[in-house]
Amino acid sequence: MANSDKVCRACLNTKDTFEYNFRVNVCHELYLFCTSVKVSLNDNLPKSICSTCYKLLNSYAEFKKTCIQSNQKLISLYEDKQRDTVEIEVKVKKESLDEVDDIQDNLSSFDDGTKDRNEPRY
């Protein structure tokens, strides 16, 4: 393999010089975030990436960040909808129970005169 200073870490293309280097202007945490590849500044592997890979890295980082934020928003909206649905169900059930209580109260206060009589009313 060619001198590691002349090889792009991402695509392995060779050049005499690279504009983007992990020691200078490429964030190795961003590279890890996008590629799941850890770059160690102490190993003997290339520390530079070509301009094409640098542009792809930044584009992918933006895309991945957007996807993560969108996913979080969708989860939040879904959880809010679930919570609202549960609140509506609880409210409906409570109102239904309140209606039953009202009916029972009305029935218990209704006196048709049969309470004191032992015989059926015809």
PDB file of N, CA and C in Angstrom:
ATOM      1  N   MET A   1       0.849  -1.176   0.000  1.00  0.00           N
ATOM      2  CA  MET A   1       0.000   0.000   0.000  1.00  0.00           C
ATOM      3  C   MET A   1       0.889   1.232   0.000  1.00  0.00           C
ATOM      4  N   ALA A   2       0.358   2.282  -0.594  1.00  0.00           N
ATOM      5  CA  ALA A   2       1.101   3.544  -0.672  1.00  0.00           C
ATOM      6  C   ALA A   2       1.276   4.136   0.721  1.00  0.00           C
ATOM      7  N   ASN A   3       2.126   5.138   0.810  1.00  0.00           N
ATOM      8  CA  ASN A   3       2.362   5.864   2.041  1.00  0.00           C
ATOM      9  C   ASN A   3       1.018   6.301   2.623  1.00  0.00           C
ATOM     10  N   SER A   4       0.799   6.072   3.915  1.00  0.00           N
ATOM     11  CA  SER A   4      -0.500   6.360   4.525  1.00  0.00           C
ATOM     12  C   SER A   4      -0.864   7.842   4.468  1.00  0.00           C
ATOM     13  N   ASP A   5       0.115   8.721   4.295  1.00  0.00           N
ATOM     14  CA  ASP A   5      -0.169  10.151   4.158  1.00  0.00           C
ATOM     15  C   ASP A   5      -0.750  10.486   2.791  1.00  0.00           C
ATOM     16  N   LYS A   6      -0.706   9.549   1.862  1.00  0.00           N
ATOM     17  CA  LYS A   6      -1.172   9.808   0.500  1.00  0.00           C
ATOM     18  C   LYS A   6      -2.414   8.989   0.143  1.00  0.00           C
ATOM     19  N   VAL A   7      -3.071   8.412   1.166  1.00  0.00           N
ATOM     20  CA  VAL A   7      -4.246   7.570   0.942  1.00  0.00           C
ATOM     21  C   VAL A   7      -5.436   8.143   1.709  1.00  0.00           C
ATOM     22  N   CYS A   8      -6.559   8.233   1.038  1.00  0.00           N
ATOM     23  CA  CYS A   8      -7.794   8.664   1.699  1.00  0.00           C
ATOM     24  C   CYS A   8      -8.254   7.563   2.643  1.00  0.00           C
ATOM     25  N   ARG A   9      -8.497   7.922   3.873  1.00  0.00           N
ATOM     26  CA  ARG A   9      -8.917   6.952   4.888  1.00  0.00           C
ATOM     27  C   ARG A   9     -10.253   6.303   4.521  1.00  0.00           C
ATOM     28  N   ALA A  10     -11.119   7.016   3.823  1.00  0.00           N
ATOM     29  CA  ALA A  10     -12.466   6.518   3.543  1.00  0.00           C
ATOM     30  C   ALA A  10     -12.553   5.695   2.261  1.00  0.00           C
ATOM     31  N   CYS A  11     -12.015   6.214   1.162  1.00  0.00           N
ATOM     32  CA  CYS A  11     -12.203   5.529  -0.130  1.00  0.00           C
ATOM     33  C   CYS A  11     -10.932   4.888  -0.682  1.00  0.00           C
ATOM     34  N   LEU A  12      -9.820   5.144  -0.049  1.00  0.00           N
ATOM     35  CA  LEU A  12      -8.506   4.602  -0.418  1.00  0.00           C
ATOM     36  C   LEU A  12      -7.918   5.185  -1.710  1.00  0.00           C
ATOM     37  N   ASN A  13      -8.506   6.226  -2.236  1.00  0.00           N
ATOM     38  CA  ASN A  13      -7.888   6.910  -3.379  1.00  0.00           C
ATOM     39  C   ASN A  13      -6.592   7.554  -2.919  1.00  0.00           C
ATOM     40  N   THR A  14      -5.656   7.650  -3.831  1.00  0.00           N
ATOM     41  CA  THR A  14      -4.356   8.233  -3.486  1.00  0.00           C
ATOM     42  C   THR A  14      -4.214   9.616  -4.095  1.00  0.00           C
ATOM     43  N   LYS A  15      -3.532  10.472  -3.357  1.00  0.00           N
ATOM     44  CA  LYS A  15      -3.211  11.836  -3.795  1.00  0.00           C
ATOM     45  C   LYS A  15      -1.892  12.229  -3.150  1.00  0.00           C
ATOM     46  N   ASP A  16      -1.270  13.211  -3.711  1.00  0.00           N
ATOM     47  CA  ASP A  16      -0.039  13.701  -3.104  1.00  0.00           C
ATOM     48  C   ASP A  16      -0.317  14.477  -1.822  1.00  0.00           C
ATOM     49  N   THR A  17      -1.372  15.259  -1.837  1.00  0.00           N
ATOM     50  CA  THR A  17      -1.733  16.030  -0.633  1.00  0.00           C
ATOM     51  C   THR A  17      -3.254  16.010  -0.441  1.00  0.00           C
ATOM     52  N   PHE A  18      -3.638  16.136   0.801  1.00  0.00           N
ATOM     53  CA  PHE A  18      -5.062  16.178   1.151  1.00  0.00           C
ATOM     54  C   PHE A  18      -5.355  17.453   1.923  1.00  0.00           C
ATOM     55  N   GLU A  19      -6.507  18.008   1.657  1.00  0.00           N
ATOM     56  CA  GLU A  19      -6.938  19.219   2.347  1.00  0.00           C
ATOM     57  C   GLU A  19      -7.530  18.901   3.722  1.00  0.00           C
ATOM     58  N   TYR A  20      -8.075  17.700   3.869  1.00  0.00           N
ATOM     59  CA  TYR A  20      -8.814  17.350   5.089  1.00  0.00           C
ATOM     60  C   TYR A  20      -8.088  16.260   5.868  1.00  0.00           C
ATOM     61  N   ASN A  21      -7.796  16.578   7.144  1.00  0.00           N
ATOM     62  CA  ASN A  21      -7.009  15.690   7.979  1.00  0.00           C
ATOM     63  C   ASN A  21      -7.644  15.600   9.372  1.00  0.00           C
ATOM     64  N   PHE A  22      -7.683  14.405   9.934  1.00  0.00           N
ATOM     65  CA  PHE A  22      -8.274  14.202  11.253  1.00  0.00           C
ATOM     66  C   PHE A  22      -7.518  14.942  12.353  1.00  0.00           C
ATOM     67  N   ARG A  23      -6.264  15.211  12.136  1.00  0.00           N
ATOM     68  CA  ARG A  23      -5.486  15.950  13.133  1.00  0.00           C
ATOM     69  C   ARG A  23      -5.764  17.445  13.084  1.00  0.00           C
ATOM     70  N   VAL A  24      -6.292  17.924  11.944  1.00  0.00           N
ATOM     71  CA  VAL A  24      -6.412  19.367  11.736  1.00  0.00           C
ATOM     72  C   VAL A  24      -7.870  19.837  11.613  1.00  0.00           C
ATOM     73  N   ASN A  25      -8.598  19.312  10.637  1.00  0.00           N
ATOM     74  CA  ASN A  25      -9.899  19.896  10.322  1.00  0.00           C
ATOM     75  C   ASN A  25     -11.026  18.890  10.037  1.00  0.00           C
ATOM     76  N   VAL A  26     -10.841  17.655  10.425  1.00  0.00           N
ATOM     77  CA  VAL A  26     -11.912  16.657  10.307  1.00  0.00           C
ATOM     78  C   VAL A  26     -12.170  16.103  11.708  1.00  0.00           C
ATOM     79  N   CYS A  27     -13.421  16.173  12.108  1.00  0.00           N
ATOM     80  CA  CYS A  27     -13.811  15.711  13.443  1.00  0.00           C
ATOM     81  C   CYS A  27     -13.930  14.185  13.444  1.00  0.00           C
ATOM     82  N   HIS A  28     -13.070  13.530  14.211  1.00  0.00           N
ATOM     83  CA  HIS A  28     -13.109  12.062  14.237  1.00  0.00           C
ATOM     84  C   HIS A  28     -14.375  11.548  14.912  1.00  0.00           C
ATOM     85  N   GLU A  29     -14.992  12.348  15.805  1.00  0.00           N
ATOM     86  CA  GLU A  29     -16.276  11.949  16.396  1.00  0.00           C
ATOM     87  C   GLU A  29     -17.380  11.950  15.339  1.00  0.00           C
ATOM     88  N   LEU A  30     -17.347  12.922  14.432  1.00  0.00           N
ATOM     89  CA  LEU A  30     -18.316  12.970  13.344  1.00  0.00           C
ATOM     90  C   LEU A  30     -18.134  11.769  12.414  1.00  0.00           C
ATOM     91  N   TYR A  31     -16.890  11.426  12.142  1.00  0.00           N
ATOM     92  CA  TYR A  31     -16.591  10.262  11.302  1.00  0.00           C
ATOM     93  C   TYR A  31     -17.124   8.984  11.960  1.00  0.00           C
ATOM     94  N   LEU A  32     -16.929   8.874  13.266  1.00  0.00           N
ATOM     95  CA  LEU A  32     -17.448   7.727  14.017  1.00  0.00           C
ATOM     96  C   LEU A  32     -18.980   7.718  13.987  1.00  0.00           C
ATOM     97  N   PHE A  33     -19.600   8.871  14.184  1.00  0.00           N
ATOM     98  CA  PHE A  33     -21.057   9.008  14.162  1.00  0.00           C
ATOM     99  C   PHE A  33     -21.633   8.515  12.834  1.00  0.00           C
ATOM    100  N   CYS A  34     -20.977   8.834  11.752  1.00  0.00           N
ATOM    101  CA  CYS A  34     -21.486   8.491  10.426  1.00  0.00           C
ATOM    102  C   CYS A  34     -21.081   7.101   9.950  1.00  0.00           C
ATOM    103  N   THR A  35     -19.908   6.658  10.326  1.00  0.00           N
ATOM    104  CA  THR A  35     -19.373   5.417   9.738  1.00  0.00           C
ATOM    105  C   THR A  35     -19.233   4.263  10.727  1.00  0.00           C
ATOM    106  N   SER A  36     -19.315   4.557  11.997  1.00  0.00           N
ATOM    107  CA  SER A  36     -19.058   3.571  13.054  1.00  0.00           C
ATOM    108  C   SER A  36     -17.606   3.089  13.037  1.00  0.00           C
ATOM    109  N   VAL A  37     -16.745   3.867  12.417  1.00  0.00           N
ATOM    110  CA  VAL A  37     -15.311   3.556  12.359  1.00  0.00           C
ATOM    111  C   VAL A  37     -14.585   4.545  13.266  1.00  0.00           C
ATOM    112  N   LYS A  38     -13.885   3.999  14.256  1.00  0.00           N
ATOM    113  CA  LYS A  38     -13.137   4.845  15.176  1.00  0.00           C
ATOM    114  C   LYS A  38     -11.764   5.151  14.592  1.00  0.00           C
ATOM    115  N   VAL A  39     -11.438   6.425  14.577  1.00  0.00           N
ATOM    116  CA  VAL A  39     -10.132   6.867  14.100  1.00  0.00           C
ATOM    117  C   VAL A  39      -9.270   7.184  15.319  1.00  0.00           C
ATOM    118  N   SER A  40      -8.162   6.499  15.403  1.00  0.00           N
ATOM    119  CA  SER A  40      -7.213   6.777  16.471  1.00  0.00           C
ATOM    120  C   SER A  40      -6.067   7.594  15.891  1.00  0.00           C
ATOM    121  N   LEU A  41      -5.767   8.669  16.540  1.00  0.00           N
ATOM    122  CA  LEU A  41      -4.679   9.519  16.052  1.00  0.00           C
ATOM    123  C   LEU A  41      -3.318   8.894  16.311  1.00  0.00           C
ATOM    124  N   ASN A  42      -3.272   7.809  17.096  1.00  0.00           N
ATOM    125  CA  ASN A  42      -2.009   7.177  17.445  1.00  0.00           C
ATOM    126  C   ASN A  42      -1.668   5.953  16.600  1.00  0.00           C
ATOM    127  N   ASP A  43      -2.582   5.543  15.703  1.00  0.00           N
ATOM    128  CA  ASP A  43      -2.263   4.357  14.894  1.00  0.00           C
ATOM    129  C   ASP A  43      -1.532   4.772  13.608  1.00  0.00           C
ATOM    130  N   ASN A  44      -1.147   3.809  12.828  1.00  0.00           N
ATOM    131  CA  ASN A  44      -0.399   4.080  11.597  1.00  0.00           C
ATOM    132  C   ASN A  44      -1.302   4.155  10.357  1.00  0.00           C
ATOM    133  N   LEU A  45      -2.601   4.220  10.541  1.00  0.00           N
ATOM    134  CA  LEU A  45      -3.532   4.287   9.417  1.00  0.00           C
ATOM    135  C   LEU A  45      -3.633   5.721   8.898  1.00  0.00           C
ATOM    136  N   PRO A  46      -4.112   5.893   7.683  1.00  0.00           N
ATOM    137  CA  PRO A  46      -4.220   7.252   7.115  1.00  0.00           C
ATOM    138  C   PRO A  46      -5.077   8.165   7.995  1.00  0.00           C
ATOM    139  N   LYS A  47      -4.692   9.422   8.049  1.00  0.00           N
ATOM    140  CA  LYS A  47      -5.400  10.420   8.852  1.00  0.00           C
ATOM    141  C   LYS A  47      -6.091  11.460   7.985  1.00  0.00           C
ATOM    142  N   SER A  48      -6.064  11.276   6.685  1.00  0.00           N
ATOM    143  CA  SER A  48      -6.651  12.250   5.775  1.00  0.00           C
ATOM    144  C   SER A  48      -7.789  11.625   4.986  1.00  0.00           C
ATOM    145  N   ILE A  49      -8.698  12.506   4.520  1.00  0.00           N
ATOM    146  CA  ILE A  49      -9.735  12.064   3.587  1.00  0.00           C
ATOM    147  C   ILE A  49      -9.786  13.052   2.428  1.00  0.00           C
ATOM    148  N   CYS A  50     -10.187  12.553   1.286  1.00  0.00           N
ATOM    149  CA  CYS A  50     -10.248  13.404   0.093  1.00  0.00           C
ATOM    150  C   CYS A  50     -11.448  14.350   0.179  1.00  0.00           C
ATOM    151  N   SER A  51     -11.484  15.347  -0.685  1.00  0.00           N
ATOM    152  CA  SER A  51     -12.563  16.334  -0.654  1.00  0.00           C
ATOM    153  C   SER A  51     -13.915  15.704  -0.967  1.00  0.00           C
ATOM    154  N   THR A  52     -13.942  14.706  -1.843  1.00  0.00           N
ATOM    155  CA  THR A  52     -15.204  14.019  -2.155  1.00  0.00           C
ATOM    156  C   THR A  52     -15.751  13.327  -0.916  1.00  0.00           C
ATOM    157  N   CYS A  53     -14.895  12.618  -0.206  1.00  0.00           N
ATOM    158  CA  CYS A  53     -15.325  11.916   1.006  1.00  0.00           C
ATOM    159  C   CYS A  53     -15.690  12.903   2.115  1.00  0.00           C
ATOM    160  N   TYR A  54     -14.983  14.009   2.179  1.00  0.00           N
ATOM    161  CA  TYR A  54     -15.293  15.028   3.177  1.00  0.00           C
ATOM    162  C   TYR A  54     -16.698  15.592   2.936  1.00  0.00           C
ATOM    163  N   LYS A  55     -17.026  15.867   1.676  1.00  0.00           N
ATOM    164  CA  LYS A  55     -18.372  16.372   1.337  1.00  0.00           C
ATOM    165  C   LYS A  55     -19.430  15.320   1.649  1.00  0.00           C
ATOM    166  N   LEU A  56     -19.149  14.069   1.312  1.00  0.00           N
ATOM    167  CA  LEU A  56     -20.085  12.986   1.625  1.00  0.00           C
ATOM    168  C   LEU A  56     -20.280  12.842   3.132  1.00  0.00           C
ATOM    169  N   LEU A  57     -19.202  12.938   3.871  1.00  0.00           N
ATOM    170  CA  LEU A  57     -19.264  12.834   5.326  1.00  0.00           C
ATOM    171  C   LEU A  57     -20.188  13.902   5.899  1.00  0.00           C
ATOM    172  N   ASN A  58     -20.005  15.138   5.469  1.00  0.00           N
ATOM    173  CA  ASN A  58     -20.836  16.225   5.984  1.00  0.00           C
ATOM    174  C   ASN A  58     -22.291  16.097   5.537  1.00  0.00           C
ATOM    175  N   SER A  59     -22.497  15.681   4.307  1.00  0.00           N
ATOM    176  CA  SER A  59     -23.874  15.476   3.822  1.00  0.00           C
ATOM    177  C   SER A  59     -24.553  14.358   4.608  1.00  0.00           C
ATOM    178  N   TYR A  60     -23.830  13.273   4.795  1.00  0.00           N
ATOM    179  CA  TYR A  60     -24.401  12.150   5.525  1.00  0.00           C
ATOM    180  C   TYR A  60     -24.666  12.524   6.978  1.00  0.00           C
ATOM    181  N   ALA A  61     -23.782  13.293   7.566  1.00  0.00           N
ATOM    182  CA  ALA A  61     -23.969  13.724   8.955  1.00  0.00           C
ATOM    183  C   ALA A  61     -25.266  14.533   9.080  1.00  0.00           C
ATOM    184  N   GLU A  62     -25.497  15.440   8.146  1.00  0.00           N
ATOM    185  CA  GLU A  62     -26.734  16.234   8.154  1.00  0.00           C
ATOM    186  C   GLU A  62     -27.948  15.337   7.957  1.00  0.00           C
ATOM    187  N   PHE A  63     -27.855  14.404   7.015  1.00  0.00           N
ATOM    188  CA  PHE A  63     -28.952  13.478   6.751  1.00  0.00           C
ATOM    189  C   PHE A  63     -29.256  12.633   7.982  1.00  0.00           C
ATOM    190  N   LYS A  64     -28.228  12.078   8.587  1.00  0.00           N
ATOM    191  CA  LYS A  64     -28.422  11.220   9.762  1.00  0.00           C
ATOM    192  C   LYS A  64     -29.013  12.022  10.915  1.00  0.00           C
ATOM    193  N   LYS A  65     -28.513  13.236  11.117  1.00  0.00           N
ATOM    194  CA  LYS A  65     -29.029  14.086  12.183  1.00  0.00           C
ATOM    195  C   LYS A  65     -30.514  14.403  11.942  1.00  0.00           C
ATOM    196  N   THR A  66     -30.871  14.703  10.694  1.00  0.00           N
ATOM    197  CA  THR A  66     -32.268  14.974  10.352  1.00  0.00           C
ATOM    198  C   THR A  66     -33.138  13.756  10.624  1.00  0.00           C
ATOM    199  N   CYS A  67     -32.661  12.585  10.242  1.00  0.00           N
ATOM    200  CA  CYS A  67     -33.424  11.349  10.480  1.00  0.00           C
ATOM    201  C   CYS A  67     -33.634  11.100  11.966  1.00  0.00           C
ATOM    202  N   ILE A  68     -32.617  11.313  12.757  1.00  0.00           N
ATOM    203  CA  ILE A  68     -32.712  11.106  14.204  1.00  0.00           C
ATOM    204  C   ILE A  68     -33.702  12.096  14.808  1.00  0.00           C
ATOM    205  N   GLN A  69     -33.619  13.368  14.408  1.00  0.00           N
ATOM    206  CA  GLN A  69     -34.539  14.378  14.933  1.00  0.00           C
ATOM    207  C   GLN A  69     -35.977  14.081  14.505  1.00  0.00           C
ATOM    208  N   SER A  70     -36.161  13.668  13.255  1.00  0.00           N
ATOM    209  CA  SER A  70     -37.500  13.327  12.767  1.00  0.00           C
ATOM    210  C   SER A  70     -38.070  12.150  13.541  1.00  0.00           C
ATOM    211  N   ASN A  71     -37.247  11.162  13.772  1.00  0.00           N
ATOM    212  CA  ASN A  71     -37.685   9.990  14.527  1.00  0.00           C
ATOM    213  C   ASN A  71     -38.096  10.380  15.946  1.00  0.00           C
ATOM    214  N   GLN A  72     -37.308  11.228  16.579  1.00  0.00           N
ATOM    215  CA  GLN A  72     -37.638  11.667  17.934  1.00  0.00           C
ATOM    216  C   GLN A  72     -38.958  12.433  17.949  1.00  0.00           C
ATOM    217  N   LYS A  73     -39.169  13.267  16.944  1.00  0.00           N
ATOM    218  CA  LYS A  73     -40.416  14.029  16.861  1.00  0.00           C
ATOM    219  C   LYS A  73     -41.605  13.087  16.646  1.00  0.00           C
ATOM    220  N   LEU A  74     -41.445  12.107  15.760  1.00  0.00           N
ATOM    221  CA  LEU A  74     -42.527  11.142  15.519  1.00  0.00           C
ATOM    222  C   LEU A  74     -42.863  10.365  16.783  1.00  0.00           C
ATOM    223  N   ILE A  75     -41.845   9.941  17.500  1.00  0.00           N
ATOM    224  CA  ILE A  75     -42.074   9.212  18.755  1.00  0.00           C
ATOM    225  C   ILE A  75     -42.816  10.104  19.741  1.00  0.00           C
ATOM    226  N   SER A  76     -42.397  11.344  19.841  1.00  0.00           N
ATOM    227  CA  SER A  76     -43.049  12.289  20.747  1.00  0.00           C
ATOM    228  C   SER A  76     -44.501  12.514  20.352  1.00  0.00           C
ATOM    229  N   LEU A  77     -44.761  12.702  19.059  1.00  0.00           N
ATOM    230  CA  LEU A  77     -46.129  12.899  18.588  1.00  0.00           C
ATOM    231  C   LEU A  77     -46.976  11.669  18.863  1.00  0.00           C
ATOM    232  N   TYR A  78     -46.408  10.493  18.623  1.00  0.00           N
ATOM    233  CA  TYR A  78     -47.134   9.252  18.876  1.00  0.00           C
ATOM    234  C   TYR A  78     -47.450   9.115  20.358  1.00  0.00           C
ATOM    235  N   GLU A  79     -46.478   9.417  21.202  1.00  0.00           N
ATOM    236  CA  GLU A  79     -46.700   9.333  22.641  1.00  0.00           C
ATOM    237  C   GLU A  79     -47.752  10.338  23.078  1.00  0.00           C
ATOM    238  N   ASP A  80     -47.720  11.561  22.512  1.00  0.00           N
ATOM    239  CA  ASP A  80     -48.730  12.566  22.826  1.00  0.00           C
ATOM    240  C   ASP A  80     -50.113  12.085  22.403  1.00  0.00           C
ATOM    241  N   LYS A  81     -50.194  11.480  21.211  1.00  0.00           N
ATOM    242  CA  LYS A  81     -51.476  10.981  20.721  1.00  0.00           C
ATOM    243  C   LYS A  81     -51.980   9.859  21.617  1.00  0.00           C
ATOM    244  N   GLN A  82     -51.084   8.956  22.008  1.00  0.00           N
ATOM    245  CA  GLN A  82     -51.464   7.867  22.901  1.00  0.00           C
ATOM    246  C   GLN A  82     -51.977   8.420  24.229  1.00  0.00           C
ATOM    247  N   ARG A  83     -51.270   9.417  24.765  1.00  0.00           N
ATOM    248  CA  ARG A  83     -51.666  10.020  26.038  1.00  0.00           C
ATOM    249  C   ARG A  83     -53.017  10.705  25.897  1.00  0.00           C
ATOM    250  N   ASP A  84     -53.230  11.446  24.794  1.00  0.00           N
ATOM    251  CA  ASP A  84     -54.507  12.104  24.551  1.00  0.00           C
ATOM    252  C   ASP A  84     -55.632  11.081  24.428  1.00  0.00           C
ATOM    253  N   THR A  85     -55.362   9.978  23.743  1.00  0.00           N
ATOM    254  CA  THR A  85     -56.368   8.921  23.588  1.00  0.00           C
ATOM    255  C   THR A  85     -56.720   8.343  24.947  1.00  0.00           C
ATOM    256  N   VAL A  86     -55.733   8.087  25.760  1.00  0.00           N
ATOM    257  CA  VAL A  86     -55.977   7.545  27.102  1.00  0.00           C
ATOM    258  C   VAL A  86     -56.773   8.552  27.922  1.00  0.00           C
ATOM    259  N   GLU A  87     -56.417   9.849  27.833  1.00  0.00           N
ATOM    260  CA  GLU A  87     -57.142  10.877  28.577  1.00  0.00           C
ATOM    261  C   GLU A  87     -58.591  10.948  28.128  1.00  0.00           C
ATOM    262  N   ILE A  88     -58.832  10.836  26.826  1.00  0.00           N
ATOM    263  CA  ILE A  88     -60.197  10.863  26.304  1.00  0.00           C
ATOM    264  C   ILE A  88     -60.964   9.657  26.799  1.00  0.00           C
ATOM    265  N   GLU A  89     -60.349   8.476  26.745  1.00  0.00           N
ATOM    266  CA  GLU A  89     -61.010   7.261  27.219  1.00  0.00           C
ATOM    267  C   GLU A  89     -61.335   7.368  28.697  1.00  0.00           C
ATOM    268  N   VAL A  90     -60.400   7.868  29.477  1.00  0.00           N
ATOM    269  CA  VAL A  90     -60.621   8.016  30.915  1.00  0.00           C
ATOM    270  C   VAL A  90     -61.756   9.010  31.150  1.00  0.00           C
ATOM    271  N   LYS A  91     -61.760  10.111  30.409  1.00  0.00           N
ATOM    272  CA  LYS A  91     -62.796  11.119  30.564  1.00  0.00           C
ATOM    273  C   LYS A  91     -64.159  10.542  30.183  1.00  0.00           C
ATOM    274  N   VAL A  92     -64.226   9.828  29.075  1.00  0.00           N
ATOM    275  CA  VAL A  92     -65.485   9.227  28.638  1.00  0.00           C
ATOM    276  C   VAL A  92     -65.967   8.229  29.677  1.00  0.00           C
ATOM    277  N   LYS A  93     -65.079   7.380  30.167  1.00  0.00           N
ATOM    278  CA  LYS A  93     -65.465   6.399  31.170  1.00  0.00           C
ATOM    279  C   LYS A  93     -65.916   7.092  32.449  1.00  0.00           C
ATOM    280  N   LYS A  94     -65.233   8.159  32.849  1.00  0.00           N
ATOM    281  CA  LYS A  94     -65.620   8.889  34.049  1.00  0.00           C
ATOM    282  C   LYS A  94     -66.986   9.513  33.861  1.00  0.00           C
ATOM    283  N   GLU A  95     -67.218  10.124  32.687  1.00  0.00           N
ATOM    284  CA  GLU A  95     -68.522  10.712  32.417  1.00  0.00           C
ATOM    285  C   GLU A  95     -69.599   9.639  32.402  1.00  0.00           C
ATOM    286  N   SER A  96     -69.316   8.486  31.845  1.00  0.00           N
ATOM    287  CA  SER A  96     -70.282   7.388  31.831  1.00  0.00           C
ATOM    288  C   SER A  96     -70.588   6.931  33.247  1.00  0.00           C
ATOM    289  N   LEU A  97     -69.566   6.818  34.076  1.00  0.00           N
ATOM    290  CA  LEU A  97     -69.768   6.430  35.466  1.00  0.00           C
ATOM    291  C   LEU A  97     -70.558   7.493  36.209  1.00  0.00           C
ATOM    292  N   ASP A  98     -70.291   8.764  35.919  1.00  0.00           N
ATOM    293  CA  ASP A  98     -71.043   9.845  36.550  1.00  0.00           C
ATOM    294  C   ASP A  98     -72.518   9.763  36.163  1.00  0.00           C
ATOM    295  N   GLU A  99     -72.787   9.437  34.901  1.00  0.00           N
ATOM    296  CA  GLU A  99     -74.174   9.283  34.457  1.00  0.00           C
ATOM    297  C   GLU A  99     -74.849   8.125  35.179  1.00  0.00           C
ATOM    298  N   VAL A 100     -74.151   7.024  35.340  1.00  0.00           N
ATOM    299  CA  VAL A 100     -74.698   5.874  36.066  1.00  0.00           C
ATOM    300  C   VAL A 100     -74.990   6.276  37.502  1.00  0.00           C
ATOM    301  N   ASP A 101     -74.073   6.996  38.126  1.00  0.00           N
ATOM    302  CA  ASP A 101     -74.286   7.464  39.497  1.00  0.00           C
ATOM    303  C   ASP A 101     -75.519   8.357  39.570  1.00  0.00           C
ATOM    304  N   ASP A 102     -75.666   9.254  38.608  1.00  0.00           N
ATOM    305  CA  ASP A 102     -76.835  10.143  38.583  1.00  0.00           C
ATOM    306  C   ASP A 102     -78.120   9.341  38.443  1.00  0.00           C
ATOM    307  N   ILE A 103     -78.111   8.347  37.579  1.00  0.00           N
ATOM    308  CA  ILE A 103     -79.301   7.511  37.382  1.00  0.00           C
ATOM    309  C   ILE A 103     -79.619   6.760  38.663  1.00  0.00           C
ATOM    310  N   GLN A 104     -78.589   6.215  39.297  1.00  0.00           N
ATOM    311  CA  GLN A 104     -78.809   5.486  40.559  1.00  0.00           C
ATOM    312  C   GLN A 104     -79.350   6.422  41.639  1.00  0.00           C
ATOM    313  N   ASP A 105     -78.803   7.632  41.688  1.00  0.00           N
ATOM    314  CA  ASP A 105     -79.296   8.612  42.657  1.00  0.00           C
ATOM    315  C   ASP A 105     -80.757   8.932  42.388  1.00  0.00           C
ATOM    316  N   ASN A 106     -81.092   9.111  41.126  1.00  0.00           N
ATOM    317  CA  ASN A 106     -82.473   9.417  40.762  1.00  0.00           C
ATOM    318  C   ASN A 106     -83.392   8.255  41.092  1.00  0.00           C
ATOM    319  N   LEU A 107     -82.933   7.028  40.838  1.00  0.00           N
ATOM    320  CA  LEU A 107     -83.752   5.861  41.140  1.00  0.00           C
ATOM    321  C   LEU A 107     -83.958   5.697  42.639  1.00  0.00           C
ATOM    322  N   SER A 108     -82.918   5.940  43.408  1.00  0.00           N
ATOM    323  CA  SER A 108     -83.035   5.757  44.851  1.00  0.00           C
ATOM    324  C   SER A 108     -83.912   6.838  45.474  1.00  0.00           C
ATOM    325  N   SER A 109     -83.978   7.992  44.844  1.00  0.00           N
ATOM    326  CA  SER A 109     -84.829   9.052  45.388  1.00  0.00           C
ATOM    327  C   SER A 109     -86.256   8.958  44.869  1.00  0.00           C
ATOM    328  N   PHE A 110     -86.475   8.100  43.890  1.00  0.00           N
ATOM    329  CA  PHE A 110     -87.814   7.915  43.325  1.00  0.00           C
ATOM    330  C   PHE A 110     -88.632   7.040  44.262  1.00  0.00           C
ATOM    331  N   ASP A 111     -89.743   7.537  44.739  1.00  0.00           N
ATOM    332  CA  ASP A 111     -90.595   6.786  45.653  1.00  0.00           C
ATOM    333  C   ASP A 111     -91.985   6.700  45.049  1.00  0.00           C
ATOM    334  N   ASP A 112     -92.330   5.510  44.647  1.00  0.00           N
ATOM    335  CA  ASP A 112     -93.661   5.328  44.063  1.00  0.00           C
ATOM    336  C   ASP A 112     -94.649   4.776  45.077  1.00  0.00           C
ATOM    337  N   GLY A 113     -94.258   4.744  46.322  1.00  0.00           N
ATOM    338  CA  GLY A 113     -95.137   4.278  47.363  1.00  0.00           C
ATOM    339  C   GLY A 113     -95.109   2.779  47.568  1.00  0.00           C
ATOM    340  N   THR A 114     -94.278   2.063  46.841  1.00  0.00           N
ATOM    341  CA  THR A 114     -94.248   0.607  46.960  1.00  0.00           C
ATOM    342  C   THR A 114     -93.300   0.141  48.055  1.00  0.00           C
ATOM    343  N   LYS A 115     -92.511   1.015  48.581  1.00  0.00           N
ATOM    344  CA  LYS A 115     -91.552   0.588  49.598  1.00  0.00           C
ATOM    345  C   LYS A 115     -92.253   0.096  50.859  1.00  0.00           C
ATOM    346  N   ASP A 116     -93.339   0.724  51.203  1.00  0.00           N
ATOM    347  CA  ASP A 116     -94.022   0.369  52.434  1.00  0.00           C
ATOM    348  C   ASP A 116     -95.011  -0.776  52.237  1.00  0.00           C
ATOM    349  N   ARG A 117     -95.324  -1.096  51.035  1.00  0.00           N
ATOM    350  CA  ARG A 117     -96.301  -2.146  50.762  1.00  0.00           C
ATOM    351  C   ARG A 117     -95.595  -3.440  50.429  1.00  0.00           C
ATOM    352  N   ASN A 118     -96.092  -4.530  50.966  1.00  0.00           N
ATOM    353  CA  ASN A 118     -95.501  -5.821  50.733  1.00  0.00           C
ATOM    354  C   ASN A 118     -96.078  -6.513  49.507  1.00  0.00           C
ATOM    355  N   GLU A 119     -97.212  -6.058  49.049  1.00  0.00           N
ATOM    356  CA  GLU A 119     -97.846  -6.737  47.936  1.00  0.00           C
ATOM    357  C   GLU A 119     -97.525  -6.030  46.627  1.00  0.00           C
ATOM    358  N   PRO A 120     -97.514  -6.782  45.579  1.00  0.00           N
ATOM    359  CA  PRO A 120     -97.220  -6.172  44.280  1.00  0.00           C
ATOM    360  C   PRO A 120     -98.303  -5.175  43.869  1.00  0.00           C
ATOM    361  N   ARG A 121     -97.954  -4.247  43.122  1.00  0.00           N
ATOM    362  CA  ARG A 121     -98.856  -3.199  42.655  1.00  0.00           C
ATOM    363  C   ARG A 121     -99.332  -3.536  41.262  1.00  0.00           C
ATOM    364  N   TYR A 122    -100.719  -3.517  41.050  1.00  0.00           N
ATOM    365  CA  TYR A 122    -101.281  -3.860  39.740  1.00  0.00           C
ATOM    366  C   TYR A 122    -101.959  -2.686  39.139  1.00  0.00           C
TER     367      TYR A 122
END
